[in-house]
């Protein structure tokens, strides 16, 4: 009965997910080839704290979604850690959020997309923050985190909205606008200096009828 009631993912959505997985694989291959942590002990401790944060989910009143503070760790990683270390924080957070104490058991394709999406978004935010600011001669932690959050939120909400649009055949513009409007304030808070940060950030997005994908780390 369950198999009859569940809708199959359209071929176009499957192709998009496969493309995301391929891009994420390329990113992780680069991480593996350039892996050289400056301080493994510090990274291991930070990574462990980030995974604990990923498991801490709070349901927002009035929304079918949960929030997590893991995004704060990704932004901090962009400012303080290497590219490979930051990408692993994003990947690990996606896996924990997708698999740890979920209300419904996620499908393998959902976990795959979540991991690929956050891997790509974390990599893009890191490259934009360090590459663009280096070209302009800036080395400010705050500037890195603000630019990182802007790239991350636009890319993350866009990629998630697109997979939902393809899977449910719903208007992309409407989905992206809805996702962006309620997630951006939390992302922006995550970009504030640590001493001023008090609010958590969105982690998983749940749409009517079924749960789909992680919207942020």
Protein backbone atom coordinates (compact mmCIF):
# COMPACT_ATOMS: atom_id res chain seq x y z
CA UNK A 1 0.00 0.00 0.00
CA UNK A 2 2.79 2.39 0.88
CA UNK A 3 4.48 1.92 -2.46
CA UNK A 4 1.22 2.68 -4.27
CA UNK A 5 0.57 5.93 -2.41
CA UNK A 6 4.06 7.37 -2.78
CA UNK A 7 4.74 9.34 -5.94
CA UNK A 8 7.81 8.57 -7.97
CA UNK A 9 10.40 11.28 -8.45
CA UNK A 10 10.23 12.61 -12.05
CA UNK A 11 13.11 11.79 -14.37
CA UNK A 12 14.14 15.45 -14.63
CA UNK A 13 14.42 15.71 -10.86
CA UNK A 14 16.50 12.53 -10.78
CA UNK A 15 18.82 13.94 -13.42
CA UNK A 16 19.22 17.15 -11.41
CA UNK A 17 20.01 15.20 -8.24
CA UNK A 18 22.56 13.12 -10.13
CA UNK A 19 24.21 16.29 -11.43
CA UNK A 20 24.41 17.71 -7.91
CA UNK A 21 25.94 14.47 -6.68
CA UNK A 22 28.54 14.63 -9.46
CA UNK A 23 29.51 18.21 -8.58
CA UNK A 24 29.74 17.32 -4.88
CA UNK A 25 31.92 14.32 -5.75
CA UNK A 26 34.28 16.60 -7.66
CA UNK A 27 34.46 18.95 -4.68
CA UNK A 28 35.19 16.09 -2.27
CA UNK A 29 37.86 14.73 -4.63
CA UNK A 30 39.55 18.13 -4.49
CA UNK A 31 39.26 18.12 -0.70
CA UNK A 32 40.90 14.70 -0.49
CA UNK A 33 43.74 15.67 -2.84
CA UNK A 34 44.52 18.87 -0.91
CA UNK A 35 43.81 17.65 2.63
CA UNK A 36 46.35 19.23 4.98
CA UNK A 37 44.78 20.46 8.26
CA UNK A 38 46.85 23.02 10.11
CA UNK A 39 45.75 21.78 13.53
CA UNK A 40 43.95 18.45 13.46
CA UNK A 41 43.11 18.50 17.17
CA UNK A 42 41.39 21.87 16.91
CA UNK A 43 39.50 20.79 13.80
CA UNK A 44 38.38 17.51 15.38
CA UNK A 45 36.96 19.33 18.41
CA UNK A 46 35.22 21.92 16.26
CA UNK A 47 33.85 19.23 13.95
CA UNK A 48 32.46 17.28 16.90
CA UNK A 49 30.73 20.40 18.26
CA UNK A 50 29.28 21.11 14.81
CA UNK A 51 27.84 17.60 14.60
CA UNK A 52 26.23 17.99 18.03
CA UNK A 53 24.75 21.28 16.86
CA UNK A 54 23.39 19.57 13.73
CA UNK A 55 21.50 17.11 15.91
CA UNK A 56 19.83 19.90 17.89
CA UNK A 57 16.59 20.61 16.04
CA UNK A 58 13.80 22.93 17.13
CA UNK A 59 10.45 23.15 15.37
CA UNK A 60 9.36 26.66 14.46
CA UNK A 61 5.80 27.58 15.53
CA UNK A 62 3.56 27.95 12.48
CA UNK A 63 6.04 26.31 10.09
CA UNK A 64 6.61 22.74 8.98
CA UNK A 65 10.34 23.11 9.50
CA UNK A 66 13.10 22.69 12.04
CA UNK A 67 16.08 24.90 12.84
CA UNK A 68 19.65 24.12 13.80
CA UNK A 69 22.66 26.16 14.88
CA UNK A 70 25.07 24.22 12.65
CA UNK A 71 25.11 27.00 10.07
CA UNK A 72 26.99 29.12 12.61
CA UNK A 73 29.77 26.53 12.58
CA UNK A 74 29.96 26.54 8.79
CA UNK A 75 30.34 30.32 8.74
CA UNK A 76 32.97 30.16 11.46
CA UNK A 77 34.75 27.47 9.46
CA UNK A 78 34.81 29.75 6.42
CA UNK A 79 36.57 32.40 8.50
CA UNK A 80 38.91 30.20 10.56
CA UNK A 81 39.51 26.87 8.82
CA UNK A 82 40.81 25.59 5.49
CA UNK A 83 38.65 24.79 2.48
CA UNK A 84 38.69 21.04 3.07
CA UNK A 85 37.89 21.34 6.76
CA UNK A 86 34.97 23.66 6.12
CA UNK A 87 33.50 21.42 3.41
CA UNK A 88 33.67 18.41 5.74
CA UNK A 89 31.80 20.38 8.40
CA UNK A 90 29.05 21.09 5.89
CA UNK A 91 28.90 17.49 4.66
CA UNK A 92 28.91 16.01 8.14
CA UNK A 93 26.21 18.41 9.28
CA UNK A 94 23.98 17.45 6.34
CA UNK A 95 24.28 13.75 7.13
CA UNK A 96 23.54 14.23 10.83
CA UNK A 97 20.53 16.46 10.11
CA UNK A 98 19.18 14.01 7.55
CA UNK A 99 19.58 10.83 9.60
CA UNK A 100 19.48 11.72 13.29
CA UNK A 101 16.09 11.33 14.99
CA UNK A 102 13.92 12.24 12.01
CA UNK A 103 10.13 12.04 12.24
CA UNK A 104 10.00 9.93 9.09
CA UNK A 105 12.73 7.74 7.67
CA UNK A 106 14.39 9.66 4.81
CA UNK A 107 14.88 8.07 1.42
CA UNK A 108 18.39 7.44 0.15
CA UNK A 109 17.86 9.98 -2.64
CA UNK A 110 16.93 12.64 -0.06
CA UNK A 111 20.06 11.99 1.99
CA UNK A 112 22.15 12.04 -1.20
CA UNK A 113 20.76 15.38 -2.32
CA UNK A 114 21.05 16.94 1.15
CA UNK A 115 24.70 15.93 1.43
CA UNK A 116 25.50 17.05 -2.12
CA UNK A 117 23.66 20.35 -1.74
CA UNK A 118 25.37 21.41 1.49
CA UNK A 119 28.75 20.27 0.18
CA UNK A 120 28.38 22.43 -2.92
CA UNK A 121 26.96 25.41 -1.01
CA UNK A 122 29.72 25.31 1.59
CA UNK A 123 32.40 25.10 -1.09
CA UNK A 124 30.89 27.97 -3.09
CA UNK A 125 30.58 30.18 -0.02
CA UNK A 126 34.21 29.49 0.94
CA UNK A 127 35.55 30.18 -2.55
CA UNK A 128 33.53 33.38 -2.90
CA UNK A 129 34.53 34.69 0.52
CA UNK A 130 38.24 34.00 0.21
CA UNK A 131 38.65 34.54 -3.53
CA UNK A 132 36.66 37.77 -3.88
CA UNK A 133 38.02 39.36 -0.71
CA UNK A 134 41.59 38.39 -1.58
CA UNK A 135 41.24 40.14 -4.93
CA UNK A 136 40.04 43.26 -3.14
CA UNK A 137 42.75 43.07 -0.49
CA UNK A 138 40.41 42.46 2.45
CA UNK A 139 41.14 40.01 5.27
CA UNK A 140 38.32 40.78 7.68
CA UNK A 141 36.60 37.90 9.47
CA UNK A 142 33.31 39.78 9.51
CA UNK A 143 33.54 40.51 5.78
CA UNK A 144 34.23 36.84 5.04
CA UNK A 145 31.23 35.72 7.08
CA UNK A 146 28.86 38.31 5.58
CA UNK A 147 29.87 37.50 2.01
CA UNK A 148 29.76 33.80 2.84
CA UNK A 149 26.22 34.03 4.17
CA UNK A 150 25.02 35.93 1.09
CA UNK A 151 26.42 33.34 -1.31
CA UNK A 152 25.28 30.44 0.85
CA UNK A 153 21.69 31.59 1.34
CA UNK A 154 21.06 32.41 -2.33
CA UNK A 155 22.61 29.19 -3.59
CA UNK A 156 21.16 26.93 -0.90
CA UNK A 157 17.59 28.17 -1.12
CA UNK A 158 17.80 28.15 -4.91
CA UNK A 159 19.06 24.58 -5.18
CA UNK A 160 16.50 23.28 -2.68
CA UNK A 161 13.65 25.17 -4.32
CA UNK A 162 14.65 23.81 -7.72
CA UNK A 163 14.58 20.16 -6.63
CA UNK A 164 11.15 20.65 -5.03
CA UNK A 165 9.93 22.44 -8.15
CA UNK A 166 11.07 19.56 -10.36
CA UNK A 167 9.77 16.88 -8.02
CA UNK A 168 6.34 18.43 -7.41
CA UNK A 169 6.03 20.40 -10.65
CA UNK A 170 5.44 23.61 -8.75
CA UNK A 171 6.53 27.15 -9.79
CA UNK A 172 10.20 27.71 -8.97
CA UNK A 173 9.83 31.44 -8.38
CA UNK A 174 7.09 30.94 -5.79
CA UNK A 175 9.03 28.26 -3.92
CA UNK A 176 12.31 30.17 -3.94
CA UNK A 177 10.66 33.36 -2.73
CA UNK A 178 8.91 31.54 0.12
CA UNK A 179 12.05 29.69 1.21
CA UNK A 180 14.25 32.79 0.96
CA UNK A 181 11.92 35.09 2.88
CA UNK A 182 11.83 33.09 6.10
CA UNK A 183 15.37 31.70 6.01
CA UNK A 184 17.40 34.82 5.22
CA UNK A 185 16.92 36.53 8.63
CA UNK A 186 18.30 33.44 10.38
CA UNK A 187 21.22 33.20 7.99
CA UNK A 188 21.96 36.89 8.55
CA UNK A 189 22.01 36.42 12.31
CA UNK A 190 24.46 33.57 11.78
CA UNK A 191 26.83 36.00 10.06
CA UNK A 192 27.02 38.28 13.10
CA UNK A 193 30.09 38.20 15.33
CA UNK A 194 30.00 35.29 17.84
CA UNK A 195 29.45 37.55 20.85
CA UNK A 196 26.31 39.02 19.27
CA UNK A 197 24.81 35.81 17.95
CA UNK A 198 21.80 34.49 19.81
CA UNK A 199 19.39 32.96 17.28
CA UNK A 200 19.58 29.55 15.56
CA UNK A 201 19.44 28.96 11.84
CA UNK A 202 17.15 26.86 9.62
CA UNK A 203 18.19 23.31 8.91
CA UNK A 204 15.48 21.25 7.26
CA UNK A 205 12.54 22.29 5.16
CA UNK A 206 9.28 20.33 5.22
CA UNK A 207 6.63 21.01 2.61
CA UNK A 208 3.01 19.82 2.70
CA UNK A 209 2.38 16.11 1.98
CA UNK A 210 5.98 14.98 2.41
CA UNK A 211 9.41 15.95 3.70
CA UNK A 212 12.00 16.77 1.09
CA UNK A 213 15.35 18.29 1.58
CA UNK A 214 17.64 20.09 3.96
CA UNK A 215 17.40 23.82 3.40
CA UNK A 216 20.44 24.85 5.38
CA UNK A 217 23.07 23.48 7.55
